Amino acid sequence: MRVRVSVPNRLRGHFLDATLRRMANLIGKTFVHSNELQSGEFEIGKFHVSYVIRPDVLDAEISSDRLFTPADASFVKVFLTQLFSFEYRHYPFKIFGIGLPRTGTTSLAVALRRLGIFACTTPHGWPPEWQERSIAVKRPTTTTR
């Protein structure tokens, strides 16, 4: 059985590239994408998804060797909608949310993404010498006469 779905595509340039890299990380080895054809395929659960990225829409064909209803495939549509209908807006300013681990930096990045602001996060576990340098504040020594 096959189901064809279309979701809005608002991603351009490096945002589209970043989304495709994210899909590759989420889905794993079954994800294949052709930059020349702007199409690809992947497997998620019991579904095989073939897609074509057009300027304003992503067309996907969902199929399975097992019997399923279109309602069963709706979670694939929701997954694609969340990835491709997210519109990043250009802002003339930058926001830096810098903090030590467990201070809400990841939550801040998620909130910014939901607002449509591109957010880049660095992985936890920076080299210890960077953390030590950022924490240690050297105060100038003063001499009294």
C-alpha atoms as a PDB file:
ATOM      1  CA  MET A   1       0.000   0.000   0.000  1.00  0.00           C
ATOM      2  CA  ARG A   2       1.225   3.507  -0.817  1.00  0.00           C
ATOM      3  CA  VAL A   3       0.274   6.942   0.471  1.00  0.00           C
ATOM      4  CA  ARG A   4       1.438  10.224  -1.060  1.00  0.00           C
ATOM      5  CA  VAL A   5       1.795  13.279   1.198  1.00  0.00           C
ATOM      6  CA  SER A   6       3.021  16.824   0.669  1.00  0.00           C
ATOM      7  CA  VAL A   7       4.380  19.128   3.364  1.00  0.00           C
ATOM      8  CA  PRO A   8       5.470  22.774   3.112  1.00  0.00           C
ATOM      9  CA  ASN A   9       9.175  23.329   2.452  1.00  0.00           C
ATOM     10  CA  ARG A  10      10.389  26.656   3.787  1.00  0.00           C
ATOM     11  CA  LEU A  11      14.043  25.733   4.131  1.00  0.00           C
ATOM     12  CA  ARG A  12      16.720  27.233   1.897  1.00  0.00           C
ATOM     13  CA  GLY A  13      20.490  27.056   1.594  1.00  0.00           C
ATOM     14  CA  HIS A  14      22.397  25.987   4.669  1.00  0.00           C
ATOM     15  CA  PHE A  15      19.164  25.518   6.659  1.00  0.00           C
ATOM     16  CA  LEU A  16      18.115  22.800   4.210  1.00  0.00           C
ATOM     17  CA  ASP A  17      21.585  21.225   4.407  1.00  0.00           C
ATOM     18  CA  ALA A  18      21.458  21.268   8.210  1.00  0.00           C
ATOM     19  CA  THR A  19      17.994  19.662   8.183  1.00  0.00           C
ATOM     20  CA  LEU A  20      19.168  16.891   5.859  1.00  0.00           C
ATOM     21  CA  ARG A  21      22.178  16.240   8.125  1.00  0.00           C
ATOM     22  CA  ARG A  22      19.817  16.108  11.108  1.00  0.00           C
ATOM     23  CA  MET A  23      17.595  13.596   9.296  1.00  0.00           C
ATOM     24  CA  ALA A  24      20.650  11.469   8.500  1.00  0.00           C
ATOM     25  CA  ASN A  25      21.610  11.478  12.197  1.00  0.00           C
ATOM     26  CA  LEU A  26      18.091  10.662  13.363  1.00  0.00           C
ATOM     27  CA  ILE A  27      17.366   7.934  10.836  1.00  0.00           C
ATOM     28  CA  GLY A  28      20.792   6.363  10.434  1.00  0.00           C
ATOM     29  CA  LYS A  29      22.021   3.993   7.761  1.00  0.00           C
ATOM     30  CA  THR A  30      18.790   3.771   5.784  1.00  0.00           C
ATOM     31  CA  PHE A  31      18.875   7.489   4.861  1.00  0.00           C
ATOM     32  CA  VAL A  32      20.051   8.205   1.296  1.00  0.00           C
ATOM     33  CA  HIS A  33      19.944  11.655  -0.347  1.00  0.00           C
ATOM     34  CA  SER A  34      20.969  12.860  -3.806  1.00  0.00           C
ATOM     35  CA  ASN A  35      21.957  16.543  -3.974  1.00  0.00           C
ATOM     36  CA  GLU A  36      21.705  16.602  -7.769  1.00  0.00           C
ATOM     37  CA  LEU A  37      18.137  15.281  -7.848  1.00  0.00           C
ATOM     38  CA  GLN A  38      17.108  16.810  -4.501  1.00  0.00           C
ATOM     39  CA  SER A  39      15.500  13.509  -3.610  1.00  0.00           C
ATOM     40  CA  GLY A  40      16.111  10.524  -1.426  1.00  0.00           C
ATOM     41  CA  GLU A  41      14.656   7.730   0.617  1.00  0.00           C
ATOM     42  CA  PHE A  42      14.740   6.286   4.096  1.00  0.00           C
ATOM     43  CA  GLU A  43      13.035   3.750   6.311  1.00  0.00           C
ATOM     44  CA  ILE A  44      11.369   4.689   9.546  1.00  0.00           C
ATOM     45  CA  GLY A  45       9.683   1.929  11.482  1.00  0.00           C
ATOM     46  CA  LYS A  46       7.722  -0.281   9.080  1.00  0.00           C
ATOM     47  CA  PHE A  47       7.516   2.465   6.439  1.00  0.00           C
ATOM     48  CA  HIS A  48       9.668   3.148   3.409  1.00  0.00           C
ATOM     49  CA  VAL A  49       9.645   6.848   2.459  1.00  0.00           C
ATOM     50  CA  SER A  50      10.735   8.229  -0.921  1.00  0.00           C
ATOM     51  CA  TYR A  51      10.807  12.025  -1.159  1.00  0.00           C
ATOM     52  CA  VAL A  52      11.492  14.846  -3.606  1.00  0.00           C
ATOM     53  CA  ILE A  53      12.337  18.344  -2.361  1.00  0.00           C
ATOM     54  CA  ARG A  54      10.781  21.109  -4.446  1.00  0.00           C
ATOM     55  CA  PRO A  55      11.156  24.866  -3.790  1.00  0.00           C
ATOM     56  CA  ASP A  56       7.903  25.198  -1.819  1.00  0.00           C
ATOM     57  CA  VAL A  57       6.865  21.653  -1.025  1.00  0.00           C
ATOM     58  CA  LEU A  58       8.301  18.279  -0.095  1.00  0.00           C
ATOM     59  CA  ASP A  59       6.495  15.422  -1.833  1.00  0.00           C
ATOM     60  CA  ALA A  60       6.814  12.063  -0.117  1.00  0.00           C
ATOM     61  CA  GLU A  61       5.524   8.633  -0.962  1.00  0.00           C
ATOM     62  CA  ILE A  62       5.072   6.357   2.032  1.00  0.00           C
ATOM     63  CA  SER A  63       4.870   2.622   1.414  1.00  0.00           C
ATOM     64  CA  SER A  64       5.069  -0.572   3.392  1.00  0.00           C
ATOM     65  CA  ASP A  65       5.113  -4.269   2.656  1.00  0.00           C
ATOM     66  CA  ARG A  66       2.684  -4.726   5.552  1.00  0.00           C
ATOM     67  CA  LEU A  67      -0.903  -3.588   5.531  1.00  0.00           C
ATOM     68  CA  PHE A  68      -1.394  -0.127   7.020  1.00  0.00           C
ATOM     69  CA  THR A  69      -3.928   2.674   6.911  1.00  0.00           C
ATOM     70  CA  PRO A  70      -3.163   6.256   5.930  1.00  0.00           C
ATOM     71  CA  ALA A  71      -3.727   7.181   9.581  1.00  0.00           C
ATOM     72  CA  ASP A  72      -0.822   4.891  10.530  1.00  0.00           C
ATOM     73  CA  ALA A  73       1.442   6.839   8.190  1.00  0.00           C
ATOM     74  CA  SER A  74       0.386  10.202   9.617  1.00  0.00           C
ATOM     75  CA  PHE A  75       3.257  10.203  12.107  1.00  0.00           C
ATOM     76  CA  VAL A  76       5.689  10.202   9.158  1.00  0.00           C
ATOM     77  CA  LYS A  77       3.872  13.237   7.761  1.00  0.00           C
ATOM     78  CA  VAL A  78       4.083  14.967  11.145  1.00  0.00           C
ATOM     79  CA  PHE A  79       7.809  14.146  11.331  1.00  0.00           C
ATOM     80  CA  LEU A  80       8.441  15.634   7.867  1.00  0.00           C
ATOM     81  CA  THR A  81       6.248  18.653   8.612  1.00  0.00           C
ATOM     82  CA  GLN A  82       8.194  19.436  11.779  1.00  0.00           C
ATOM     83  CA  LEU A  83      11.472  19.292   9.889  1.00  0.00           C
ATOM     84  CA  PHE A  84      10.604  21.085   6.647  1.00  0.00           C
ATOM     85  CA  SER A  85       7.883  23.572   7.518  1.00  0.00           C
ATOM     86  CA  PHE A  86      10.016  25.272  10.140  1.00  0.00           C
ATOM     87  CA  GLU A  87      10.840  28.720   8.848  1.00  0.00           C
ATOM     88  CA  TYR A  88      14.065  30.316   9.975  1.00  0.00           C
ATOM     89  CA  ARG A  89      13.884  34.067   9.896  1.00  0.00           C
ATOM     90  CA  HIS A  90      16.876  36.293   9.418  1.00  0.00           C
ATOM     91  CA  TYR A  91      17.496  38.617  12.332  1.00  0.00           C
ATOM     92  CA  PRO A  92      19.946  41.518  12.177  1.00  0.00           C
ATOM     93  CA  PHE A  93      21.347  40.618  15.583  1.00  0.00           C
ATOM     94  CA  LYS A  94      22.935  37.663  17.306  1.00  0.00           C
ATOM     95  CA  ILE A  95      22.063  36.074  20.618  1.00  0.00           C
ATOM     96  CA  PHE A  96      24.780  34.382  22.617  1.00  0.00           C
ATOM     97  CA  GLY A  97      23.560  32.019  25.314  1.00  0.00           C
ATOM     98  CA  ILE A  98      26.753  30.958  27.009  1.00  0.00           C
ATOM     99  CA  GLY A  99      26.795  28.936  30.187  1.00  0.00           C
ATOM    100  CA  LEU A 100      28.301  26.053  32.030  1.00  0.00           C
ATOM    101  CA  PRO A 101      26.707  22.608  31.799  1.00  0.00           C
ATOM    102  CA  ARG A 102      23.268  22.241  33.408  1.00  0.00           C
ATOM    103  CA  THR A 103      22.492  25.982  33.219  1.00  0.00           C
ATOM    104  CA  GLY A 104      19.749  25.865  30.565  1.00  0.00           C
ATOM    105  CA  THR A 105      21.792  26.429  27.397  1.00  0.00           C
ATOM    106  CA  THR A 106      20.173  23.517  25.551  1.00  0.00           C
ATOM    107  CA  SER A 107      16.697  24.681  26.612  1.00  0.00           C
ATOM    108  CA  LEU A 108      17.539  28.165  25.359  1.00  0.00           C
ATOM    109  CA  ALA A 109      18.598  26.747  21.980  1.00  0.00           C
ATOM    110  CA  VAL A 110      15.329  24.762  21.704  1.00  0.00           C
ATOM    111  CA  ALA A 111      13.295  27.870  22.571  1.00  0.00           C
ATOM    112  CA  LEU A 112      15.150  29.965  19.980  1.00  0.00           C
ATOM    113  CA  ARG A 113      14.546  27.324  17.305  1.00  0.00           C
ATOM    114  CA  ARG A 114      10.827  27.313  18.114  1.00  0.00           C
ATOM    115  CA  LEU A 115      10.819  31.081  17.610  1.00  0.00           C
ATOM    116  CA  GLY A 116      12.438  30.611  14.214  1.00  0.00           C
ATOM    117  CA  ILE A 117      15.885  31.836  15.203  1.00  0.00           C
ATOM    118  CA  PHE A 118      18.802  29.718  14.011  1.00  0.00           C
ATOM    119  CA  ALA A 119      20.577  28.287  17.050  1.00  0.00           C
ATOM    120  CA  CYS A 120      23.900  26.492  17.029  1.00  0.00           C
ATOM    121  CA  THR A 121      24.826  24.471  20.076  1.00  0.00           C
ATOM    122  CA  THR A 122      28.221  23.128  20.991  1.00  0.00           C
ATOM    123  CA  PRO A 123      28.518  19.639  22.394  1.00  0.00           C
ATOM    124  CA  HIS A 124      29.034  19.198  26.088  1.00  0.00           C
ATOM    125  CA  GLY A 125      32.494  18.239  27.187  1.00  0.00           C
ATOM    126  CA  TRP A 126      34.635  21.048  25.895  1.00  0.00           C
ATOM    127  CA  PRO A 127      38.318  20.497  26.531  1.00  0.00           C
ATOM    128  CA  PRO A 128      38.866  20.940  30.278  1.00  0.00           C
ATOM    129  CA  GLU A 129      41.486  23.643  29.766  1.00  0.00           C
ATOM    130  CA  TRP A 130      38.856  25.852  28.058  1.00  0.00           C
ATOM    131  CA  GLN A 131      36.517  25.453  30.989  1.00  0.00           C
ATOM    132  CA  GLU A 132      39.271  26.190  33.448  1.00  0.00           C
ATOM    133  CA  ARG A 133      40.259  29.328  31.572  1.00  0.00           C
ATOM    134  CA  SER A 134      36.656  30.514  31.355  1.00  0.00           C
ATOM    135  CA  ILE A 135      36.006  29.925  35.051  1.00  0.00           C
ATOM    136  CA  ALA A 136      39.295  31.121  36.496  1.00  0.00           C
ATOM    137  CA  VAL A 137      39.318  34.874  36.802  1.00  0.00           C
ATOM    138  CA  LYS A 138      42.713  36.289  37.532  1.00  0.00           C
ATOM    139  CA  ARG A 139      42.534  39.417  39.599  1.00  0.00           C
ATOM    140  CA  PRO A 140      45.327  41.925  39.346  1.00  0.00           C
ATOM    141  CA  THR A 141      47.525  42.045  42.370  1.00  0.00           C
ATOM    142  CA  THR A 142      47.694  45.384  44.083  1.00  0.00           C
ATOM    143  CA  THR A 143      50.530  46.597  46.164  1.00  0.00           C
ATOM    144  CA  THR A 144      50.100  48.999  49.042  1.00  0.00           C
ATOM    145  CA  ARG A 145      52.681  51.590  49.948  1.00  0.00           C
END
